[in-house]
Amino acid sequence: MSYRAGFATFVGRPNVGKSTLTNALVGEKVAITSSKPQTTRRAIRGIVHRPDGQLVIVDTPGMHRPRTLLGERLNSVVQETLGEVDVIGFCLPANERLGPGDRFINEQLDAYPRAKKVAIVTKVDAASRPAVVEQLAAIGALREWDSVVPVSAAGGIQLDVLVRELIALLPESEKLYPDETVTEETLEARIGELVREAALEGVSDELPHSIAVTVDDVVEREDRELAEVYVNLFVERDSQKGIIIGHRGSRLAEVGARARAQLEPLLGKRVYLSIRVKVAKDWQRDAKQLGRLGF
């Protein structure tokens, strides 16, 4: 049996479950998830290991019409990734009819003829069987796919089938990563993302897009089996800072508790977490500030 290895990425409208699917296939949380659109801001690689192949999933921001400089840069990340991968998986929820956004993305795929195209019908556990059949027919009419796979990341439905189909479309290759590698993300990057995920919970309107997190320091205290984590949480206006902190710091305390619950398993020890909330005015539209924040 030949060994195959290569890169795949999932595209789709924001919030169709691309990051959730990535985590489910990798078997570990490598990308944060949220009900808020445009949660993913970087190309994050998660590696799936199988006896016959190695699938490198590149999780990217959702395709959208940008309104800020940050949005333009996120779209550039998507376009650059699409030009480099071997397989593009187009995620379409089973419980939502195809819309203009889906058709727009489908048209964009023509610009990447080298990549194999797979339609991934997500959230099949949230739709009736007739609805899934109807969605499959609608998706089949969009283009000629190299494969069509209905799945549910939450329900664990057909995930092995999807991995098998994706690996079969990869080129023959040696392993690209050691067996123990599940992501290229640094520890600091994963910490920052988990804190941002905690901060996204319960906020509304434009605030999710205004949140950015940087990690100042991670100090591991071996004598106390404790990790001290110091992060900055940036927003764009003073009013947003007040929302994040909450009455007498109540909301910031909730953010810290949620983040620590994720950080302690990652670091394998108790965590002391210090979050400093700062204002970086209109950072999404400021090239210099975007650079300082890592975009």
C-alpha atoms as a PDB file:
ATOM      1  CA  MET A   1       0.000   0.000   0.000  1.00  0.00           C
ATOM      2  CA  SER A   2       1.378   3.402  -0.985  1.00  0.00           C
ATOM      3  CA  TYR A   3       1.726   6.072   1.685  1.00  0.00           C
ATOM      4  CA  ARG A   4       0.132   9.456   1.011  1.00  0.00           C
ATOM      5  CA  ALA A   5       0.655  12.792   2.700  1.00  0.00           C
ATOM      6  CA  GLY A   6      -0.402  16.337   1.948  1.00  0.00           C
ATOM      7  CA  PHE A   7      -2.521  19.323   2.790  1.00  0.00           C
ATOM      8  CA  ALA A   8      -6.255  19.943   2.861  1.00  0.00           C
ATOM      9  CA  THR A   9      -8.270  22.949   3.913  1.00  0.00           C
ATOM     10  CA  PHE A  10     -11.924  23.486   4.698  1.00  0.00           C
ATOM     11  CA  VAL A  11     -13.750  26.489   3.269  1.00  0.00           C
ATOM     12  CA  GLY A  12     -17.260  27.764   3.761  1.00  0.00           C
ATOM     13  CA  ARG A  13     -19.241  30.632   5.129  1.00  0.00           C
ATOM     14  CA  PRO A  14     -18.245  31.806   8.619  1.00  0.00           C
ATOM     15  CA  ASN A  15     -19.538  29.637  11.434  1.00  0.00           C
ATOM     16  CA  VAL A  16     -20.322  26.470   9.446  1.00  0.00           C
ATOM     17  CA  GLY A  17     -18.190  24.319  11.766  1.00  0.00           C
ATOM     18  CA  LYS A  18     -14.793  24.229  10.025  1.00  0.00           C
ATOM     19  CA  SER A  19     -12.761  24.514  13.233  1.00  0.00           C
ATOM     20  CA  THR A  20     -15.000  22.033  15.074  1.00  0.00           C
ATOM     21  CA  LEU A  21     -14.499  19.552  12.248  1.00  0.00           C
ATOM     22  CA  THR A  22     -10.726  20.122  12.270  1.00  0.00           C
ATOM     23  CA  ASN A  23     -10.536  19.388  16.006  1.00  0.00           C
ATOM     24  CA  ALA A  24     -12.701  16.289  15.661  1.00  0.00           C
ATOM     25  CA  LEU A  25     -10.482  14.836  12.928  1.00  0.00           C
ATOM     26  CA  VAL A  26      -7.215  15.670  14.717  1.00  0.00           C
ATOM     27  CA  GLY A  27      -8.576  14.278  17.999  1.00  0.00           C
ATOM     28  CA  GLU A  28      -7.375  17.285  19.981  1.00  0.00           C
ATOM     29  CA  LYS A  29      -8.339  20.934  20.256  1.00  0.00           C
ATOM     30  CA  VAL A  30      -5.924  22.772  17.976  1.00  0.00           C
ATOM     31  CA  ALA A  31      -8.328  25.513  16.826  1.00  0.00           C
ATOM     32  CA  ILE A  32     -10.662  27.512  19.027  1.00  0.00           C
ATOM     33  CA  THR A  33     -14.388  27.394  18.359  1.00  0.00           C
ATOM     34  CA  SER A  34     -17.186  29.841  19.021  1.00  0.00           C
ATOM     35  CA  SER A  35     -20.703  30.642  17.878  1.00  0.00           C
ATOM     36  CA  LYS A  36     -19.348  34.039  16.823  1.00  0.00           C
ATOM     37  CA  PRO A  37     -18.572  34.414  13.088  1.00  0.00           C
ATOM     38  CA  GLN A  38     -14.967  34.843  11.947  1.00  0.00           C
ATOM     39  CA  THR A  39     -13.466  33.340  15.089  1.00  0.00           C
ATOM     40  CA  THR A  40     -10.472  31.847  13.224  1.00  0.00           C
ATOM     41  CA  ARG A  41      -7.857  34.465  12.330  1.00  0.00           C
ATOM     42  CA  ARG A  42      -4.818  32.476  11.227  1.00  0.00           C
ATOM     43  CA  ALA A  43      -3.995  29.425   9.164  1.00  0.00           C
ATOM     44  CA  ILE A  44      -3.723  26.723  11.836  1.00  0.00           C
ATOM     45  CA  ARG A  45      -2.347  23.310  10.912  1.00  0.00           C
ATOM     46  CA  GLY A  46      -3.698  20.166  12.554  1.00  0.00           C
ATOM     47  CA  ILE A  47      -2.164  16.791  11.661  1.00  0.00           C
ATOM     48  CA  VAL A  48      -4.149  13.546  11.338  1.00  0.00           C
ATOM     49  CA  HIS A  49      -2.048  10.370  11.449  1.00  0.00           C
ATOM     50  CA  ARG A  50      -3.175   7.107   9.819  1.00  0.00           C
ATOM     51  CA  PRO A  51      -1.228   3.946   8.887  1.00  0.00           C
ATOM     52  CA  ASP A  52      -1.630   4.709   5.173  1.00  0.00           C
ATOM     53  CA  GLY A  53      -1.177   8.454   5.240  1.00  0.00           C
ATOM     54  CA  GLN A  54      -0.805  11.787   6.952  1.00  0.00           C
ATOM     55  CA  LEU A  55      -3.440  14.466   6.474  1.00  0.00           C
ATOM     56  CA  VAL A  56      -2.454  18.038   7.312  1.00  0.00           C
ATOM     57  CA  ILE A  57      -5.589  20.147   7.769  1.00  0.00           C
ATOM     58  CA  VAL A  58      -5.110  23.892   7.402  1.00  0.00           C
ATOM     59  CA  ASP A  59      -7.911  25.640   9.313  1.00  0.00           C
ATOM     60  CA  THR A  60      -8.474  29.127   7.897  1.00  0.00           C
ATOM     61  CA  PRO A  61     -10.767  32.111   8.496  1.00  0.00           C
ATOM     62  CA  GLY A  62     -14.162  31.964   6.835  1.00  0.00           C
ATOM     63  CA  MET A  63     -14.528  33.620   3.446  1.00  0.00           C
ATOM     64  CA  HIS A  64     -16.399  36.913   3.786  1.00  0.00           C
ATOM     65  CA  ARG A  65     -16.700  40.380   2.303  1.00  0.00           C
ATOM     66  CA  PRO A  66     -14.167  42.414   4.318  1.00  0.00           C
ATOM     67  CA  ARG A  67     -15.095  45.684   6.023  1.00  0.00           C
ATOM     68  CA  THR A  68     -11.732  46.371   7.674  1.00  0.00           C
ATOM     69  CA  LEU A  69      -8.020  45.980   6.959  1.00  0.00           C
ATOM     70  CA  LEU A  70      -8.054  42.951   9.271  1.00  0.00           C
ATOM     71  CA  GLY A  71     -10.824  41.427   7.137  1.00  0.00           C
ATOM     72  CA  GLU A  72      -8.767  41.978   3.993  1.00  0.00           C
ATOM     73  CA  ARG A  73      -5.765  40.263   5.578  1.00  0.00           C
ATOM     74  CA  LEU A  74      -7.894  37.324   6.725  1.00  0.00           C
ATOM     75  CA  ASN A  75      -9.184  36.864   3.175  1.00  0.00           C
ATOM     76  CA  SER A  76      -5.586  36.947   1.944  1.00  0.00           C
ATOM     77  CA  VAL A  77      -4.760  34.103   4.348  1.00  0.00           C
ATOM     78  CA  VAL A  78      -7.594  32.064   2.839  1.00  0.00           C
ATOM     79  CA  GLN A  79      -6.570  32.764  -0.762  1.00  0.00           C
ATOM     80  CA  GLU A  80      -2.916  31.962  -0.105  1.00  0.00           C
ATOM     81  CA  THR A  81      -3.858  28.678   1.566  1.00  0.00           C
ATOM     82  CA  LEU A  82      -6.205  27.661  -1.248  1.00  0.00           C
ATOM     83  CA  GLY A  83      -3.380  28.147  -3.737  1.00  0.00           C
ATOM     84  CA  GLU A  84      -1.096  25.740  -1.866  1.00  0.00           C
ATOM     85  CA  VAL A  85      -3.224  22.800  -0.653  1.00  0.00           C
ATOM     86  CA  ASP A  86      -3.862  19.487  -2.397  1.00  0.00           C
ATOM     87  CA  VAL A  87      -7.539  19.212  -1.428  1.00  0.00           C
ATOM     88  CA  ILE A  88     -10.242  21.800  -0.716  1.00  0.00           C
ATOM     89  CA  GLY A  89     -13.178  20.643   1.373  1.00  0.00           C
ATOM     90  CA  PHE A  90     -16.243  22.860   0.947  1.00  0.00           C
ATOM     91  CA  CYS A  91     -18.310  22.692   4.162  1.00  0.00           C
ATOM     92  CA  LEU A  92     -22.052  23.100   3.727  1.00  0.00           C
ATOM     93  CA  PRO A  93     -24.433  22.505   6.661  1.00  0.00           C
ATOM     94  CA  ALA A  94     -27.145  19.927   6.090  1.00  0.00           C
ATOM     95  CA  ASN A  95     -29.675  22.013   8.001  1.00  0.00           C
ATOM     96  CA  GLU A  96     -29.324  25.224   5.951  1.00  0.00           C
ATOM     97  CA  ARG A  97     -30.346  25.759   2.339  1.00  0.00           C
ATOM     98  CA  LEU A  98     -27.677  26.872  -0.112  1.00  0.00           C
ATOM     99  CA  GLY A  99     -27.505  30.650  -0.318  1.00  0.00           C
ATOM    100  CA  PRO A 100     -25.722  33.364  -2.291  1.00  0.00           C
ATOM    101  CA  GLY A 101     -22.684  33.114  -0.001  1.00  0.00           C
ATOM    102  CA  ASP A 102     -22.283  29.411  -0.763  1.00  0.00           C
ATOM    103  CA  ARG A 103     -22.588  29.983  -4.494  1.00  0.00           C
ATOM    104  CA  PHE A 104     -20.067  32.826  -4.297  1.00  0.00           C
ATOM    105  CA  ILE A 105     -17.540  30.552  -2.573  1.00  0.00           C
ATOM    106  CA  ASN A 106     -18.194  27.756  -5.075  1.00  0.00           C
ATOM    107  CA  GLU A 107     -17.367  30.159  -7.908  1.00  0.00           C
ATOM    108  CA  GLN A 108     -14.121  31.174  -6.184  1.00  0.00           C
ATOM    109  CA  LEU A 109     -12.970  27.546  -6.178  1.00  0.00           C
ATOM    110  CA  ASP A 110     -12.554  27.675  -9.962  1.00  0.00           C
ATOM    111  CA  ALA A 111      -9.476  29.850  -9.387  1.00  0.00           C
ATOM    112  CA  TYR A 112      -7.696  26.852  -7.822  1.00  0.00           C
ATOM    113  CA  PRO A 113      -7.776  24.117 -10.482  1.00  0.00           C
ATOM    114  CA  ARG A 114      -4.850  22.156  -9.005  1.00  0.00           C
ATOM    115  CA  ALA A 115      -6.681  21.217  -5.827  1.00  0.00           C
ATOM    116  CA  LYS A 116      -9.156  18.335  -5.640  1.00  0.00           C
ATOM    117  CA  LYS A 117     -12.636  19.456  -4.560  1.00  0.00           C
ATOM    118  CA  VAL A 118     -14.640  17.625  -1.882  1.00  0.00           C
ATOM    119  CA  ALA A 119     -18.112  18.612  -0.683  1.00  0.00           C
ATOM    120  CA  ILE A 120     -18.503  18.047   3.063  1.00  0.00           C
ATOM    121  CA  VAL A 121     -22.108  18.103   4.245  1.00  0.00           C
ATOM    122  CA  THR A 122     -21.796  19.010   7.927  1.00  0.00           C
ATOM    123  CA  LYS A 123     -24.217  18.804  10.872  1.00  0.00           C
ATOM    124  CA  VAL A 124     -26.172  15.860   9.428  1.00  0.00           C
ATOM    125  CA  ASP A 125     -27.302  15.003  12.957  1.00  0.00           C
ATOM    126  CA  ALA A 126     -29.214  18.314  13.019  1.00  0.00           C
ATOM    127  CA  ALA A 127     -31.251  17.573   9.878  1.00  0.00           C
ATOM    128  CA  SER A 128     -33.824  14.985   8.879  1.00  0.00           C
ATOM    129  CA  ARG A 129     -32.913  12.269   6.394  1.00  0.00           C
ATOM    130  CA  PRO A 130     -35.076  13.833   3.620  1.00  0.00           C
ATOM    131  CA  ALA A 131     -33.411  17.214   4.257  1.00  0.00           C
ATOM    132  CA  VAL A 132     -29.948  15.628   3.958  1.00  0.00           C
ATOM    133  CA  VAL A 133     -30.940  13.939   0.685  1.00  0.00           C
ATOM    134  CA  GLU A 134     -32.279  17.243  -0.654  1.00  0.00           C
ATOM    135  CA  GLN A 135     -29.075  19.031   0.351  1.00  0.00           C
ATOM    136  CA  LEU A 136     -26.923  16.378  -1.321  1.00  0.00           C
ATOM    137  CA  ALA A 137     -28.861  16.869  -4.563  1.00  0.00           C
ATOM    138  CA  ALA A 138     -28.452  20.662  -4.397  1.00  0.00           C
ATOM    139  CA  ILE A 139     -24.722  20.346  -3.707  1.00  0.00           C
ATOM    140  CA  GLY A 140     -24.299  17.845  -6.526  1.00  0.00           C
ATOM    141  CA  ALA A 141     -25.698  20.423  -8.928  1.00  0.00           C
ATOM    142  CA  LEU A 142     -23.011  22.981  -8.048  1.00  0.00           C
ATOM    143  CA  ARG A 143     -20.116  21.168  -9.758  1.00  0.00           C
ATOM    144  CA  GLU A 144     -18.533  17.764 -10.346  1.00  0.00           C
ATOM    145  CA  TRP A 145     -16.936  16.845  -7.008  1.00  0.00           C
ATOM    146  CA  ASP A 146     -14.081  14.435  -6.427  1.00  0.00           C
ATOM    147  CA  SER A 147     -16.036  13.179  -3.411  1.00  0.00           C
ATOM    148  CA  VAL A 148     -19.126  14.070  -1.385  1.00  0.00           C
ATOM    149  CA  VAL A 149     -19.179  13.079   2.298  1.00  0.00           C
ATOM    150  CA  PRO A 150     -21.969  13.752   4.851  1.00  0.00           C
ATOM    151  CA  VAL A 151     -20.570  14.082   8.392  1.00  0.00           C
ATOM    152  CA  SER A 152     -21.255  15.283  11.903  1.00  0.00           C
ATOM    153  CA  ALA A 153     -18.305  16.457  13.975  1.00  0.00           C
ATOM    154  CA  ALA A 154     -20.401  16.636  17.150  1.00  0.00           C
ATOM    155  CA  GLY A 155     -21.914  13.208  16.598  1.00  0.00           C
ATOM    156  CA  GLY A 156     -18.764  11.548  15.277  1.00  0.00           C
ATOM    157  CA  ILE A 157     -20.626  10.476  12.146  1.00  0.00           C
ATOM    158  CA  GLN A 158     -18.526   9.373   9.133  1.00  0.00           C
ATOM    159  CA  LEU A 159     -15.354  11.132  10.307  1.00  0.00           C
ATOM    160  CA  ASP A 160     -13.227   8.086   9.468  1.00  0.00           C
ATOM    161  CA  VAL A 161     -14.848   7.977   6.033  1.00  0.00           C
ATOM    162  CA  LEU A 162     -13.942  11.619   5.458  1.00  0.00           C
ATOM    163  CA  VAL A 163     -10.320  11.076   6.518  1.00  0.00           C
ATOM    164  CA  ARG A 164     -10.078   8.051   4.227  1.00  0.00           C
ATOM    165  CA  GLU A 165     -11.503   9.978   1.271  1.00  0.00           C
ATOM    166  CA  LEU A 166      -9.206  12.965   1.840  1.00  0.00           C
ATOM    167  CA  ILE A 167      -6.057  10.844   2.205  1.00  0.00           C
ATOM    168  CA  ALA A 168      -6.935   8.979  -0.998  1.00  0.00           C
ATOM    169  CA  LEU A 169      -6.826  12.301  -2.867  1.00  0.00           C
ATOM    170  CA  LEU A 170      -3.382  13.275  -1.534  1.00  0.00           C
ATOM    171  CA  PRO A 171      -0.159  12.670  -3.473  1.00  0.00           C
ATOM    172  CA  GLU A 172       2.152   9.793  -2.643  1.00  0.00           C
ATOM    173  CA  SER A 173       4.687  11.136  -0.188  1.00  0.00           C
ATOM    174  CA  GLU A 174       6.850  10.458   2.815  1.00  0.00           C
ATOM    175  CA  LYS A 175       5.616  11.618   6.224  1.00  0.00           C
ATOM    176  CA  LEU A 176       5.657  15.386   6.579  1.00  0.00           C
ATOM    177  CA  TYR A 177       5.590  15.491  10.405  1.00  0.00           C
ATOM    178  CA  PRO A 178       6.726  13.199  13.245  1.00  0.00           C
ATOM    179  CA  ASP A 179       4.035  10.864  14.601  1.00  0.00           C
ATOM    180  CA  GLU A 180       3.608  12.792  17.860  1.00  0.00           C
ATOM    181  CA  THR A 181       2.953  16.179  16.180  1.00  0.00           C
ATOM    182  CA  VAL A 182      -0.661  17.358  16.178  1.00  0.00           C
ATOM    183  CA  THR A 183      -0.121  21.039  15.331  1.00  0.00           C
ATOM    184  CA  GLU A 184       2.525  23.598  14.370  1.00  0.00           C
ATOM    185  CA  GLU A 185       1.065  26.173  16.764  1.00  0.00           C
ATOM    186  CA  THR A 186       3.412  27.380  19.491  1.00  0.00           C
ATOM    187  CA  LEU A 187       2.402  27.067  23.128  1.00  0.00           C
ATOM    188  CA  GLU A 188       2.090  30.854  23.421  1.00  0.00           C
ATOM    189  CA  ALA A 189      -0.157  31.031  20.363  1.00  0.00           C
ATOM    190  CA  ARG A 190      -2.444  28.307  21.734  1.00  0.00           C
ATOM    191  CA  ILE A 191      -2.628  30.059  25.099  1.00  0.00           C
ATOM    192  CA  GLY A 192      -3.572  33.358  23.475  1.00  0.00           C
ATOM    193  CA  GLU A 193      -6.285  31.733  21.392  1.00  0.00           C
ATOM    194  CA  LEU A 194      -7.815  29.932  24.380  1.00  0.00           C
ATOM    195  CA  VAL A 195      -8.003  33.193  26.325  1.00  0.00           C
ATOM    196  CA  ARG A 196      -9.646  34.873  23.320  1.00  0.00           C
ATOM    197  CA  GLU A 197     -12.127  32.005  23.054  1.00  0.00           C
ATOM    198  CA  ALA A 198     -13.052  32.485  26.720  1.00  0.00           C
ATOM    199  CA  ALA A 199     -13.525  36.219  26.156  1.00  0.00           C
ATOM    200  CA  LEU A 200     -15.844  35.624  23.179  1.00  0.00           C
ATOM    201  CA  GLU A 201     -18.384  33.773  25.309  1.00  0.00           C
ATOM    202  CA  GLY A 202     -21.463  35.875  26.003  1.00  0.00           C
ATOM    203  CA  VAL A 203     -20.471  39.027  24.103  1.00  0.00           C
ATOM    204  CA  SER A 204     -22.588  40.395  21.279  1.00  0.00           C
ATOM    205  CA  ASP A 205     -22.628  42.739  18.293  1.00  0.00           C
ATOM    206  CA  GLU A 206     -19.236  43.973  17.105  1.00  0.00           C
ATOM    207  CA  LEU A 207     -17.229  43.229  20.242  1.00  0.00           C
ATOM    208  CA  PRO A 208     -15.961  39.763  19.158  1.00  0.00           C
ATOM    209  CA  HIS A 209     -14.189  41.309  16.165  1.00  0.00           C
ATOM    210  CA  SER A 210     -12.559  43.928  18.414  1.00  0.00           C
ATOM    211  CA  ILE A 211     -10.910  41.417  20.766  1.00  0.00           C
ATOM    212  CA  ALA A 212      -7.243  40.478  20.323  1.00  0.00           C
ATOM    213  CA  VAL A 213      -4.926  38.699  22.776  1.00  0.00           C
ATOM    214  CA  THR A 214      -1.138  38.691  23.116  1.00  0.00           C
ATOM    215  CA  VAL A 215       0.925  36.641  25.557  1.00  0.00           C
ATOM    216  CA  ASP A 216       3.551  38.532  27.558  1.00  0.00           C
ATOM    217  CA  ASP A 217       5.082  35.639  29.473  1.00  0.00           C
ATOM    218  CA  VAL A 218       4.627  32.060  30.647  1.00  0.00           C
ATOM    219  CA  VAL A 219       6.600  31.214  33.789  1.00  0.00           C
ATOM    220  CA  GLU A 220       6.579  27.601  34.917  1.00  0.00           C
ATOM    221  CA  ARG A 221       7.206  27.278  38.682  1.00  0.00           C
ATOM    222  CA  GLU A 222       8.471  23.722  39.152  1.00  0.00           C
ATOM    223  CA  ASP A 223       8.627  24.111  42.928  1.00  0.00           C
ATOM    224  CA  ARG A 224       4.877  24.758  43.097  1.00  0.00           C
ATOM    225  CA  GLU A 225       3.690  22.802  40.022  1.00  0.00           C
ATOM    226  CA  LEU A 226       2.244  26.083  38.834  1.00  0.00           C
ATOM    227  CA  ALA A 227       2.377  28.054  35.575  1.00  0.00           C
ATOM    228  CA  GLU A 228       2.074  31.827  35.701  1.00  0.00           C
ATOM    229  CA  VAL A 229       0.518  33.144  32.483  1.00  0.00           C
ATOM    230  CA  TYR A 230       0.481  36.872  31.715  1.00  0.00           C
ATOM    231  CA  VAL A 231      -1.634  38.064  28.770  1.00  0.00           C
ATOM    232  CA  ASN A 232      -2.942  41.322  27.315  1.00  0.00           C
ATOM    233  CA  LEU A 233      -6.510  41.482  26.021  1.00  0.00           C
ATOM    234  CA  PHE A 234      -7.002  44.342  23.565  1.00  0.00           C
ATOM    235  CA  VAL A 235     -10.257  46.033  22.568  1.00  0.00           C
ATOM    236  CA  GLU A 236     -10.825  49.088  20.391  1.00  0.00           C
ATOM    237  CA  ARG A 237     -12.744  51.469  22.679  1.00  0.00           C
ATOM    238  CA  ASP A 238     -13.011  52.375  26.363  1.00  0.00           C
ATOM    239  CA  SER A 239     -16.662  51.322  26.392  1.00  0.00           C
ATOM    240  CA  GLN A 240     -15.633  47.838  25.230  1.00  0.00           C
ATOM    241  CA  LYS A 241     -13.047  47.670  28.003  1.00  0.00           C
ATOM    242  CA  GLY A 242     -15.831  48.261  30.516  1.00  0.00           C
ATOM    243  CA  ILE A 243     -17.904  45.463  28.993  1.00  0.00           C
ATOM    244  CA  ILE A 244     -15.020  42.988  29.156  1.00  0.00           C
ATOM    245  CA  ILE A 245     -14.166  43.842  32.771  1.00  0.00           C
ATOM    246  CA  GLY A 246     -17.784  43.970  33.962  1.00  0.00           C
ATOM    247  CA  HIS A 247     -19.180  45.312  37.229  1.00  0.00           C
ATOM    248  CA  ARG A 248     -16.356  45.231  39.765  1.00  0.00           C
ATOM    249  CA  GLY A 249     -14.411  42.873  37.514  1.00  0.00           C
ATOM    250  CA  SER A 250     -17.094  40.175  37.537  1.00  0.00           C
ATOM    251  CA  ARG A 251     -17.028  39.426  33.828  1.00  0.00           C
ATOM    252  CA  LEU A 252     -13.234  39.391  33.590  1.00  0.00           C
ATOM    253  CA  ALA A 253     -13.217  36.884  36.456  1.00  0.00           C
ATOM    254  CA  GLU A 254     -15.563  34.645  34.440  1.00  0.00           C
ATOM    255  CA  VAL A 255     -13.275  34.932  31.409  1.00  0.00           C
ATOM    256  CA  GLY A 256     -10.301  33.957  33.570  1.00  0.00           C
ATOM    257  CA  ALA A 257     -12.099  30.944  35.026  1.00  0.00           C
ATOM    258  CA  ARG A 258     -13.145  29.671  31.581  1.00  0.00           C
ATOM    259  CA  ALA A 259      -9.639  30.188  30.196  1.00  0.00           C
ATOM    260  CA  ARG A 260      -7.932  28.422  33.115  1.00  0.00           C
ATOM    261  CA  ALA A 261     -10.200  25.400  32.613  1.00  0.00           C
ATOM    262  CA  GLN A 262      -8.726  25.065  29.108  1.00  0.00           C
ATOM    263  CA  LEU A 263      -5.158  26.094  29.928  1.00  0.00           C
ATOM    264  CA  GLU A 264      -4.553  23.687  32.803  1.00  0.00           C
ATOM    265  CA  PRO A 265      -5.019  20.518  30.691  1.00  0.00           C
ATOM    266  CA  LEU A 266      -2.841  22.071  27.971  1.00  0.00           C
ATOM    267  CA  LEU A 267      -0.013  22.926  30.388  1.00  0.00           C
ATOM    268  CA  GLY A 268      -0.501  19.907  32.649  1.00  0.00           C
ATOM    269  CA  LYS A 269      -0.480  21.943  35.862  1.00  0.00           C
ATOM    270  CA  ARG A 270      -2.344  24.586  37.824  1.00  0.00           C
ATOM    271  CA  VAL A 271      -2.402  28.006  36.213  1.00  0.00           C
ATOM    272  CA  TYR A 272      -2.240  31.504  37.655  1.00  0.00           C
ATOM    273  CA  LEU A 273      -3.663  33.713  34.895  1.00  0.00           C
ATOM    274  CA  SER A 274      -3.209  37.483  34.760  1.00  0.00           C
ATOM    275  CA  ILE A 275      -5.286  39.294  32.108  1.00  0.00           C
ATOM    276  CA  ARG A 276      -4.647  42.995  31.503  1.00  0.00           C
ATOM    277  CA  VAL A 277      -7.361  44.677  29.423  1.00  0.00           C
ATOM    278  CA  LYS A 278      -6.041  47.444  27.171  1.00  0.00           C
ATOM    279  CA  VAL A 279      -7.436  49.742  24.496  1.00  0.00           C
ATOM    280  CA  ALA A 280      -5.821  49.843  21.046  1.00  0.00           C
ATOM    281  CA  LYS A 281      -8.030  52.327  19.238  1.00  0.00           C
ATOM    282  CA  ASP A 282      -9.475  51.007  15.953  1.00  0.00           C
ATOM    283  CA  TRP A 283      -6.716  48.388  15.686  1.00  0.00           C
ATOM    284  CA  GLN A 284      -8.602  46.445  12.987  1.00  0.00           C
ATOM    285  CA  ARG A 285      -8.075  49.363  10.594  1.00  0.00           C
ATOM    286  CA  ASP A 286      -4.522  50.327  11.599  1.00  0.00           C
ATOM    287  CA  ALA A 287      -1.696  48.606   9.727  1.00  0.00           C
ATOM    288  CA  LYS A 288       0.925  49.282  12.423  1.00  0.00           C
ATOM    289  CA  GLN A 289      -1.256  48.006  15.236  1.00  0.00           C
ATOM    290  CA  LEU A 290      -2.221  44.934  13.210  1.00  0.00           C
ATOM    291  CA  GLY A 291       1.461  44.162  12.840  1.00  0.00           C
ATOM    292  CA  ARG A 292       2.080  44.508  16.566  1.00  0.00           C
ATOM    293  CA  LEU A 293      -0.842  42.176  17.263  1.00  0.00           C
ATOM    294  CA  GLY A 294       0.530  39.540  14.880  1.00  0.00           C
ATOM    295  CA  PHE A 295      -1.600  40.052  11.762  1.00  0.00           C
END
